[in-house]
Amino acid sequence: MAENADGQEKTEAASGKKLDDARNKGSVAKSQDATSAAVLLFGAMVIYRMAPSINDQLTGFMKQMLRNATLIYITDQNVSMYYQQLILFISAILVPVLVMIMLIGVVAEISQVGFKFATKKFTEGLNFSKIFNPLGGIKKLFFSTQSWFELGKGIVKILILGSIAYQVLDSKTDRVLELMARPIQEMGGFIWETAFELVFKMGGAFVAIAAADYFYQKFKFKTDMKMTKQEVKEEGKQMEGDQQTKQRIKQIGRQRIRKIMLQRVKQADVVIVNPTHYAVALQYKPMSGGAPIVVAKGVEFLALKIREIAKEANVPIVEEPPLARALYASVEIDQEIPEVLFQAVAQVLAFVFKMKKKAA
């Protein structure tokens, strides 16, 4: 049973928060052997498919060199130019192969852990006490269970892959002796054939090793991420505290928005109410060319507050229960009223403006 530093048993599965935190710090379950196996096998396939093209380019280059051998004069002035041409030629051959192999490695990594950056790996993950404490690193390197396990795994891989290489090369002994009496051109094909047989047979064995290591790393990560009952309780309290803080922030935000909204009631042209439950404040600017907009609305206590502010600011209050409910349900703050309510609102505004005109 896994234990933490205090000796408490880790019996509980890791929470989603702990897994997310570990992932953000770059701690994930993955097998380096799986990536290496993918690079080895698919890289070999890439080279195999590109081999004819590479062979043609090399042949053409050698023909050109031999054809122009008598015309080439090496001097202090032109040696740099020939060197640059050689580098460019080799780069044109190798760069596409290296890029493909690099992409294979990236895809192999992403397929194991997904595409997500470890945002805290280089911030919270830094521990300067470990950097400046080499004895701790040496102790972890030579005296930890994980180090001994990795050493044993490496020895097993060497034995397996070495035995496969020995069998392949041993089976070619008679062929090597035969080639000694054959034209030298056949030696290249033999070397090419033997190399790919080695790669694919050893690669197949490497895939089996990588698969076993992948499932082991998954199991080990799941075990290491387990939590004690006390850790689960503490995390629950922390999340509850965070949730309360978020709710408090939202509440403060709502209070500020409500305060601003109530201040805008003073700018309204009319407040349409259901006598006790609903209140909607409207503002209409004829010169804007738009429809009336809702500047404030509320129910129960908030509706009462809107009425009080409207009375203090001498904003007309009109009781139209169906219209008040319809406006409250269908229009948000700072939105224009819908076309279906134009006529009803227009009648109210006409009445209000008529009353203001008489009062003036």
Foldseek 3Di string as FASTA:
>chain_A
DDADPVRFDQDFFFDPVLVVLCVLQVNDQAFPLQLVLQLLVVLLVVCVVCVVVLVVLVVVVVVVCVVCVVVDDDDPVCPVVVVVVVVVSVCVSVVVSVVVSVVSSVVSVCVQPNDDHSNCNVPVVDDVVPVPDVVVVVCCCPPDPVNVVVVVLVVVLCVVLVVLLCVLVVVCPVVVVVCVPPDPVVVVVVVVVSVVVSSVVSSVVSNVSNVVSSVVSVVVSRSVSGHGPVVVVVVVVVVVVVVVVVVVVVVVVVVVVLVQLLVCLLVFQEWEDAVAFKIWGWHDDVVVVAAIFTSDIGTHPSRVSSVVSCVVSVRYYHYDVVLRVVCVVPHDHPDGDDPVCRVVVVVVSVVSVVVVVVVD
